[in-house]
Amino acid sequence: MRENINKVSQRGERLDALQDKTDNLAVSAQGFRRGANRVRKQMWWKDVKMRMCLIAGIIILILIIVIPAGFEQPWEKRG
């Protein structure tokens, strides 16, 4: 009888410990989720900035090539 009571008591303690671990895991998972979302947003902005710089560079390069080609230089008059 005492042995059964001891086993039930130990089982209850183990269940309490398991509940505490579960609560800690839930809190950790929530923190991980927040951190992962923050990193995802940071990487998205980094990607957007990189694409904007690349597009701006291409536009500038095109302007450097097209603008001088569109104007005839006075010393290069033909005729």
PDB file of N, CA and C in Angstrom:
ATOM      1  N   MET A   1       0.817  -1.188   0.000  1.00  0.00           N
ATOM      2  CA  MET A   1       0.000   0.000   0.000  1.00  0.00           C
ATOM      3  C   MET A   1       0.864   1.256   0.000  1.00  0.00           C
ATOM      4  N   ARG A   2       1.882   1.271   0.892  1.00  0.00           N
ATOM      5  CA  ARG A   2       2.777   2.423   0.943  1.00  0.00           C
ATOM      6  C   ARG A   2       3.540   2.565  -0.367  1.00  0.00           C
ATOM      7  N   GLU A   3       3.892   1.441  -0.906  1.00  0.00           N
ATOM      8  CA  GLU A   3       4.645   1.460  -2.170  1.00  0.00           C
ATOM      9  C   GLU A   3       3.801   2.098  -3.273  1.00  0.00           C
ATOM     10  N   ASN A   4       2.535   1.766  -3.314  1.00  0.00           N
ATOM     11  CA  ASN A   4       1.642   2.360  -4.309  1.00  0.00           C
ATOM     12  C   ASN A   4       1.509   3.869  -4.097  1.00  0.00           C
ATOM     13  N   ILE A   5       1.410   4.284  -2.851  1.00  0.00           N
ATOM     14  CA  ILE A   5       1.305   5.713  -2.546  1.00  0.00           C
ATOM     15  C   ILE A   5       2.581   6.430  -2.976  1.00  0.00           C
ATOM     16  N   ASN A   6       3.724   5.822  -2.708  1.00  0.00           N
ATOM     17  CA  ASN A   6       4.997   6.418  -3.117  1.00  0.00           C
ATOM     18  C   ASN A   6       5.090   6.523  -4.640  1.00  0.00           C
ATOM     19  N   LYS A   7       4.648   5.483  -5.324  1.00  0.00           N
ATOM     20  CA  LYS A   7       4.690   5.497  -6.787  1.00  0.00           C
ATOM     21  C   LYS A   7       3.787   6.591  -7.356  1.00  0.00           C
ATOM     22  N   VAL A   8       2.598   6.734  -6.773  1.00  0.00           N
ATOM     23  CA  VAL A   8       1.671   7.771  -7.233  1.00  0.00           C
ATOM     24  C   VAL A   8       2.269   9.151  -6.965  1.00  0.00           C
ATOM     25  N   SER A   9       2.884   9.321  -5.816  1.00  0.00           N
ATOM     26  CA  SER A   9       3.511  10.593  -5.467  1.00  0.00           C
ATOM     27  C   SER A   9       4.651  10.918  -6.428  1.00  0.00           C
ATOM     28  N   GLN A  10       5.482   9.933  -6.726  1.00  0.00           N
ATOM     29  CA  GLN A  10       6.593  10.133  -7.661  1.00  0.00           C
ATOM     30  C   GLN A  10       6.073  10.440  -9.062  1.00  0.00           C
ATOM     31  N   ARG A  11       5.011   9.757  -9.424  1.00  0.00           N
ATOM     32  CA  ARG A  11       4.421   9.992 -10.747  1.00  0.00           C
ATOM     33  C   ARG A  11       3.912  11.425 -10.844  1.00  0.00           C
ATOM     34  N   GLY A  12       3.276  11.893  -9.771  1.00  0.00           N
ATOM     35  CA  GLY A  12       2.782  13.267  -9.741  1.00  0.00           C
ATOM     36  C   GLY A  12       3.921  14.276  -9.861  1.00  0.00           C
ATOM     37  N   GLU A  13       5.034  14.001  -9.183  1.00  0.00           N
ATOM     38  CA  GLU A  13       6.196  14.884  -9.262  1.00  0.00           C
ATOM     39  C   GLU A  13       6.766  14.894 -10.678  1.00  0.00           C
ATOM     40  N   ARG A  14       6.827  13.735 -11.288  1.00  0.00           N
ATOM     41  CA  ARG A  14       7.341  13.655 -12.663  1.00  0.00           C
ATOM     42  C   ARG A  14       6.415  14.385 -13.623  1.00  0.00           C
ATOM     43  N   LEU A  15       5.109  14.272 -13.384  1.00  0.00           N
ATOM     44  CA  LEU A  15       4.161  14.987 -14.243  1.00  0.00           C
ATOM     45  C   LEU A  15       4.306  16.498 -14.074  1.00  0.00           C
ATOM     46  N   ASP A  16       4.532  16.942 -12.837  1.00  0.00           N
ATOM     47  CA  ASP A  16       4.752  18.372 -12.601  1.00  0.00           C
ATOM     48  C   ASP A  16       6.023  18.843 -13.302  1.00  0.00           C
ATOM     49  N   ALA A  17       7.078  18.050 -13.199  1.00  0.00           N
ATOM     50  CA  ALA A  17       8.336  18.406 -13.862  1.00  0.00           C
ATOM     51  C   ALA A  17       8.144  18.442 -15.376  1.00  0.00           C
ATOM     52  N   LEU A  18       7.395  17.490 -15.893  1.00  0.00           N
ATOM     53  CA  LEU A  18       7.127  17.453 -17.330  1.00  0.00           C
ATOM     54  C   LEU A  18       6.308  18.666 -17.761  1.00  0.00           C
ATOM     55  N   GLN A  19       5.352  19.065 -16.939  1.00  0.00           N
ATOM     56  CA  GLN A  19       4.548  20.252 -17.237  1.00  0.00           C
ATOM     57  C   GLN A  19       5.426  21.502 -17.256  1.00  0.00           C
ATOM     58  N   ASP A  20       6.347  21.612 -16.303  1.00  0.00           N
ATOM     59  CA  ASP A  20       7.265  22.758 -16.270  1.00  0.00           C
ATOM     60  C   ASP A  20       8.137  22.786 -17.525  1.00  0.00           C
ATOM     61  N   LYS A  21       8.648  21.633 -17.916  1.00  0.00           N
ATOM     62  CA  LYS A  21       9.470  21.562 -19.125  1.00  0.00           C
ATOM     63  C   LYS A  21       8.661  21.943 -20.360  1.00  0.00           C
ATOM     64  N   THR A  22       7.417  21.512 -20.391  1.00  0.00           N
ATOM     65  CA  THR A  22       6.542  21.841 -21.520  1.00  0.00           C
ATOM     66  C   THR A  22       6.293  23.341 -21.589  1.00  0.00           C
ATOM     67  N   ASP A  23       6.053  23.954 -20.442  1.00  0.00           N
ATOM     68  CA  ASP A  23       5.843  25.405 -20.404  1.00  0.00           C
ATOM     69  C   ASP A  23       7.094  26.148 -20.868  1.00  0.00           C
ATOM     70  N   ASN A  24       8.253  25.707 -20.387  1.00  0.00           N
ATOM     71  CA  ASN A  24       9.508  26.336 -20.803  1.00  0.00           C
ATOM     72  C   ASN A  24       9.732  26.178 -22.302  1.00  0.00           C
ATOM     73  N   LEU A  25       9.407  25.024 -22.824  1.00  0.00           N
ATOM     74  CA  LEU A  25       9.564  24.781 -24.256  1.00  0.00           C
ATOM     75  C   LEU A  25       8.630  25.674 -25.065  1.00  0.00           C
ATOM     76  N   ALA A  26       7.421  25.866 -24.582  1.00  0.00           N
ATOM     77  CA  ALA A  26       6.470  26.736 -25.284  1.00  0.00           C
ATOM     78  C   ALA A  26       6.972  28.178 -25.311  1.00  0.00           C
ATOM     79  N   VAL A  27       7.514  28.641 -24.195  1.00  0.00           N
ATOM     80  CA  VAL A  27       8.060  30.002 -24.137  1.00  0.00           C
ATOM     81  C   VAL A  27       9.256  30.127 -25.075  1.00  0.00           C
ATOM     82  N   SER A  28      10.121  29.124 -25.065  1.00  0.00           N
ATOM     83  CA  SER A  28      11.290  29.145 -25.949  1.00  0.00           C
ATOM     84  C   SER A  28      10.873  29.122 -27.413  1.00  0.00           C
ATOM     85  N   ALA A  29       9.864  28.342 -27.727  1.00  0.00           N
ATOM     86  CA  ALA A  29       9.385  28.265 -29.111  1.00  0.00           C
ATOM     87  C   ALA A  29       8.824  29.605 -29.562  1.00  0.00           C
ATOM     88  N   GLN A  30       8.125  30.286 -28.682  1.00  0.00           N
ATOM     89  CA  GLN A  30       7.573  31.600 -29.023  1.00  0.00           C
ATOM     90  C   GLN A  30       8.709  32.599 -29.267  1.00  0.00           C
ATOM     91  N   GLY A  31       9.727  32.567 -28.429  1.00  0.00           N
ATOM     92  CA  GLY A  31      10.886  33.442 -28.626  1.00  0.00           C
ATOM     93  C   GLY A  31      11.615  33.123 -29.917  1.00  0.00           C
ATOM     94  N   PHE A  32      11.754  31.851 -30.221  1.00  0.00           N
ATOM     95  CA  PHE A  32      12.400  31.439 -31.467  1.00  0.00           C
ATOM     96  C   PHE A  32      11.599  31.930 -32.666  1.00  0.00           C
ATOM     97  N   ARG A  33      10.286  31.816 -32.590  1.00  0.00           N
ATOM     98  CA  ARG A  33       9.421  32.260 -33.688  1.00  0.00           C
ATOM     99  C   ARG A  33       9.588  33.761 -33.925  1.00  0.00           C
ATOM    100  N   ARG A  34       9.614  34.532 -32.840  1.00  0.00           N
ATOM    101  CA  ARG A  34       9.806  35.985 -32.975  1.00  0.00           C
ATOM    102  C   ARG A  34      11.161  36.294 -33.603  1.00  0.00           C
ATOM    103  N   GLY A  35      12.185  35.614 -33.120  1.00  0.00           N
ATOM    104  CA  GLY A  35      13.523  35.835 -33.665  1.00  0.00           C
ATOM    105  C   GLY A  35      13.608  35.449 -35.129  1.00  0.00           C
ATOM    106  N   ALA A  36      12.979  34.348 -35.487  1.00  0.00           N
ATOM    107  CA  ALA A  36      12.993  33.902 -36.883  1.00  0.00           C
ATOM    108  C   ALA A  36      12.267  34.900 -37.778  1.00  0.00           C
ATOM    109  N   ASN A  37      11.153  35.433 -37.307  1.00  0.00           N
ATOM    110  CA  ASN A  37      10.427  36.439 -38.092  1.00  0.00           C
ATOM    111  C   ASN A  37      11.258  37.706 -38.253  1.00  0.00           C
ATOM    112  N   ARG A  38      11.952  38.100 -37.192  1.00  0.00           N
ATOM    113  CA  ARG A  38      12.801  39.291 -37.263  1.00  0.00           C
ATOM    114  C   ARG A  38      13.923  39.088 -38.287  1.00  0.00           C
ATOM    115  N   VAL A  39      14.556  37.943 -38.253  1.00  0.00           N
ATOM    116  CA  VAL A  39      15.631  37.647 -39.205  1.00  0.00           C
ATOM    117  C   VAL A  39      15.081  37.576 -40.624  1.00  0.00           C
ATOM    118  N   ARG A  40      13.904  36.988 -40.790  1.00  0.00           N
ATOM    119  CA  ARG A  40      13.293  36.899 -42.120  1.00  0.00           C
ATOM    120  C   ARG A  40      13.035  38.290 -42.689  1.00  0.00           C
ATOM    121  N   LYS A  41      12.516  39.189 -41.852  1.00  0.00           N
ATOM    122  CA  LYS A  41      12.254  40.562 -42.310  1.00  0.00           C
ATOM    123  C   LYS A  41      13.551  41.294 -42.631  1.00  0.00           C
ATOM    124  N   GLN A  42      14.574  41.100 -41.810  1.00  0.00           N
ATOM    125  CA  GLN A  42      15.863  41.737 -42.076  1.00  0.00           C
ATOM    126  C   GLN A  42      16.438  41.260 -43.407  1.00  0.00           C
ATOM    127  N   MET A  43      16.355  39.976 -43.654  1.00  0.00           N
ATOM    128  CA  MET A  43      16.888  39.435 -44.906  1.00  0.00           C
ATOM    129  C   MET A  43      16.064  39.910 -46.096  1.00  0.00           C
ATOM    130  N   TRP A  44      14.750  40.055 -45.920  1.00  0.00           N
ATOM    131  CA  TRP A  44      13.905  40.553 -47.007  1.00  0.00           C
ATOM    132  C   TRP A  44      14.304  41.975 -47.363  1.00  0.00           C
ATOM    133  N   TRP A  45      14.504  42.839 -46.334  1.00  0.00           N
ATOM    134  CA  TRP A  45      14.909  44.221 -46.596  1.00  0.00           C
ATOM    135  C   TRP A  45      16.290  44.270 -47.241  1.00  0.00           C
ATOM    136  N   LYS A  46      17.178  43.407 -46.803  1.00  0.00           N
ATOM    137  CA  LYS A  46      18.516  43.361 -47.401  1.00  0.00           C
ATOM    138  C   LYS A  46      18.414  42.993 -48.876  1.00  0.00           C
ATOM    139  N   ASP A  47      17.564  42.042 -49.196  1.00  0.00           N
ATOM    140  CA  ASP A  47      17.354  41.633 -50.587  1.00  0.00           C
ATOM    141  C   ASP A  47      16.750  42.770 -51.406  1.00  0.00           C
ATOM    142  N   VAL A  48      15.772  43.474 -50.833  1.00  0.00           N
ATOM    143  CA  VAL A  48      15.139  44.598 -51.535  1.00  0.00           C
ATOM    144  C   VAL A  48      16.169  45.692 -51.805  1.00  0.00           C
ATOM    145  N   LYS A  49      16.986  46.014 -50.812  1.00  0.00           N
ATOM    146  CA  LYS A  49      18.013  47.044 -50.995  1.00  0.00           C
ATOM    147  C   LYS A  49      19.000  46.637 -52.082  1.00  0.00           C
ATOM    148  N   MET A  50      19.398  45.374 -52.092  1.00  0.00           N
ATOM    149  CA  MET A  50      20.339  44.897 -53.101  1.00  0.00           C
ATOM    150  C   MET A  50      19.730  45.000 -54.494  1.00  0.00           C
ATOM    151  N   ARG A  51      18.483  44.626 -54.633  1.00  0.00           N
ATOM    152  CA  ARG A  51      17.822  44.722 -55.940  1.00  0.00           C
ATOM    153  C   ARG A  51      17.702  46.173 -56.388  1.00  0.00           C
ATOM    154  N   MET A  52      17.389  47.066 -55.449  1.00  0.00           N
ATOM    155  CA  MET A  52      17.279  48.484 -55.800  1.00  0.00           C
ATOM    156  C   MET A  52      18.629  49.032 -56.260  1.00  0.00           C
ATOM    157  N   CYS A  53      19.698  48.661 -55.570  1.00  0.00           N
ATOM    158  CA  CYS A  53      21.035  49.107 -55.975  1.00  0.00           C
ATOM    159  C   CYS A  53      21.397  48.557 -57.346  1.00  0.00           C
ATOM    160  N   LEU A  54      21.066  47.314 -57.592  1.00  0.00           N
ATOM    161  CA  LEU A  54      21.358  46.698 -58.886  1.00  0.00           C
ATOM    162  C   LEU A  54      20.584  47.394 -60.001  1.00  0.00           C
ATOM    163  N   ILE A  55      19.320  47.653 -59.784  1.00  0.00           N
ATOM    164  CA  ILE A  55      18.499  48.340 -60.794  1.00  0.00           C
ATOM    165  C   ILE A  55      19.016  49.755 -61.025  1.00  0.00           C
ATOM    166  N   ALA A  56      19.357  50.471 -59.952  1.00  0.00           N
ATOM    167  CA  ALA A  56      19.896  51.828 -60.095  1.00  0.00           C
ATOM    168  C   ALA A  56      21.207  51.802 -60.874  1.00  0.00           C
ATOM    169  N   GLY A  57      22.054  50.822 -60.595  1.00  0.00           N
ATOM    170  CA  GLY A  57      23.319  50.701 -61.327  1.00  0.00           C
ATOM    171  C   GLY A  57      23.098  50.445 -62.805  1.00  0.00           C
ATOM    172  N   ILE A  58      22.156  49.591 -63.121  1.00  0.00           N
ATOM    173  CA  ILE A  58      21.856  49.293 -64.529  1.00  0.00           C
ATOM    174  C   ILE A  58      21.307  50.533 -65.222  1.00  0.00           C
ATOM    175  N   ILE A  59      20.429  51.267 -64.560  1.00  0.00           N
ATOM    176  CA  ILE A  59      19.866  52.492 -65.150  1.00  0.00           C
ATOM    177  C   ILE A  59      20.970  53.517 -65.392  1.00  0.00           C
ATOM    178  N   ILE A  60      21.855  53.697 -64.424  1.00  0.00           N
ATOM    179  CA  ILE A  60      22.960  54.645 -64.593  1.00  0.00           C
ATOM    180  C   ILE A  60      23.862  54.216 -65.742  1.00  0.00           C
ATOM    181  N   LEU A  61      24.155  52.937 -65.825  1.00  0.00           N
ATOM    182  CA  LEU A  61      24.992  52.423 -66.914  1.00  0.00           C
ATOM    183  C   LEU A  61      24.329  52.665 -68.266  1.00  0.00           C
ATOM    184  N   ILE A  62      23.049  52.427 -68.360  1.00  0.00           N
ATOM    185  CA  ILE A  62      22.322  52.671 -69.616  1.00  0.00           C
ATOM    186  C   ILE A  62      22.352  54.155 -69.957  1.00  0.00           C
ATOM    187  N   LEU A  63      22.154  55.018 -68.970  1.00  0.00           N
ATOM    188  CA  LEU A  63      22.195  56.460 -69.218  1.00  0.00           C
ATOM    189  C   LEU A  63      23.582  56.903 -69.681  1.00  0.00           C
ATOM    190  N   ILE A  64      24.618  56.341 -69.094  1.00  0.00           N
ATOM    191  CA  ILE A  64      25.980  56.687 -69.498  1.00  0.00           C
ATOM    192  C   ILE A  64      26.227  56.291 -70.947  1.00  0.00           C
ATOM    193  N   ILE A  65      25.644  55.202 -71.382  1.00  0.00           N
ATOM    194  CA  ILE A  65      25.838  54.744 -72.761  1.00  0.00           C
ATOM    195  C   ILE A  65      24.923  55.491 -73.724  1.00  0.00           C
ATOM    196  N   VAL A  66      23.674  55.699 -73.380  1.00  0.00           N
ATOM    197  CA  VAL A  66      22.681  56.249 -74.309  1.00  0.00           C
ATOM    198  C   VAL A  66      22.812  57.760 -74.472  1.00  0.00           C
ATOM    199  N   ILE A  67      23.006  58.497 -73.392  1.00  0.00           N
ATOM    200  CA  ILE A  67      23.021  59.961 -73.487  1.00  0.00           C
ATOM    201  C   ILE A  67      24.142  60.459 -74.399  1.00  0.00           C
ATOM    202  N   PRO A  68      25.385  60.019 -74.234  1.00  0.00           N
ATOM    203  CA  PRO A  68      26.423  60.514 -75.151  1.00  0.00           C
ATOM    204  C   PRO A  68      26.182  60.075 -76.597  1.00  0.00           C
ATOM    205  N   ALA A  69      25.590  58.944 -76.803  1.00  0.00           N
ATOM    206  CA  ALA A  69      25.342  58.468 -78.164  1.00  0.00           C
ATOM    207  C   ALA A  69      24.238  59.278 -78.831  1.00  0.00           C
ATOM    208  N   GLY A  70      23.378  59.899 -78.064  1.00  0.00           N
ATOM    209  CA  GLY A  70      22.258  60.648 -78.618  1.00  0.00           C
ATOM    210  C   GLY A  70      22.613  62.067 -79.012  1.00  0.00           C
ATOM    211  N   PHE A  71      23.725  62.569 -78.549  1.00  0.00           N
ATOM    212  CA  PHE A  71      24.127  63.937 -78.867  1.00  0.00           C
ATOM    213  C   PHE A  71      25.321  63.904 -79.812  1.00  0.00           C
ATOM    214  N   GLU A  72      25.228  64.703 -80.838  1.00  0.00           N
ATOM    215  CA  GLU A  72      26.339  64.787 -81.780  1.00  0.00           C
ATOM    216  C   GLU A  72      27.316  65.821 -81.251  1.00  0.00           C
ATOM    217  N   GLN A  73      28.561  65.475 -81.212  1.00  0.00           N
ATOM    218  CA  GLN A  73      29.583  66.385 -80.732  1.00  0.00           C
ATOM    219  C   GLN A  73      29.902  67.409 -81.818  1.00  0.00           C
ATOM    220  N   PRO A  74      30.121  68.674 -81.454  1.00  0.00           N
ATOM    221  CA  PRO A  74      30.355  69.711 -82.466  1.00  0.00           C
ATOM    222  C   PRO A  74      31.579  69.425 -83.325  1.00  0.00           C
ATOM    223  N   TRP A  75      32.587  68.814 -82.812  1.00  0.00           N
ATOM    224  CA  TRP A  75      33.791  68.551 -83.592  1.00  0.00           C
ATOM    225  C   TRP A  75      33.658  67.313 -84.470  1.00  0.00           C
ATOM    226  N   GLU A  76      32.545  66.622 -84.342  1.00  0.00           N
ATOM    227  CA  GLU A  76      32.334  65.424 -85.148  1.00  0.00           C
ATOM    228  C   GLU A  76      31.294  65.648 -86.235  1.00  0.00           C
ATOM    229  N   LYS A  77      31.103  66.870 -86.659  1.00  0.00           N
ATOM    230  CA  LYS A  77      30.098  67.149 -87.687  1.00  0.00           C
ATOM    231  C   LYS A  77      30.517  66.501 -88.995  1.00  0.00           C
ATOM    232  N   ARG A  78      29.549  65.918 -89.616  1.00  0.00           N
ATOM    233  CA  ARG A  78      29.804  65.248 -90.887  1.00  0.00           C
ATOM    234  C   ARG A  78      29.215  66.092 -92.004  1.00  0.00           C
ATOM    235  N   GLY A  79      29.876  66.146 -93.055  1.00  0.00           N
ATOM    236  CA  GLY A  79      29.245  66.810 -94.159  1.00  0.00           C
ATOM    237  C   GLY A  79      30.087  67.701 -94.890  1.00  0.00           C
TER     238      GLY A  79
END
